[in-house]
Amino acid sequence: MGYLTNDTQPERTALAWSRSSLALFAATIWVCRLAFIGESLLAIIILLICGALMLGHLYLANKRKLALSAGIDASIGSAIDNALLVAQVIILGLAALVL
């Protein structure tokens, strides 16, 4: 697989995690659709929390990408990115049960 090099694999992995985060936020919007007609304050709060988690994940992925392109050795991923996604999944599951 000649197209996979040491430079492209971290970018492809980051892109996959970013897509997962965006898909989770889209699913949260679908579950919390009551927030758009103003019926549920809890749905609005859940949307805001999941939006903040998604933006935090995208910020950390972009920060890591910049460090990786600069050749900094400390650009190794941390568990914080994955923890943000796990938090999104948990909140989405709770929202599906409650709403």
Foldseek 3Di string as FASTA:
>chain_A
DVVDDPLVVLVVVLVVLLVLLVVLLVLLCVLLVVVVVPPDPVSVVLNVLSVVLSVVLVVLSVVLNVCVVVVHPPSDDDCSNVVSSVVSVVSSVVSNVPD
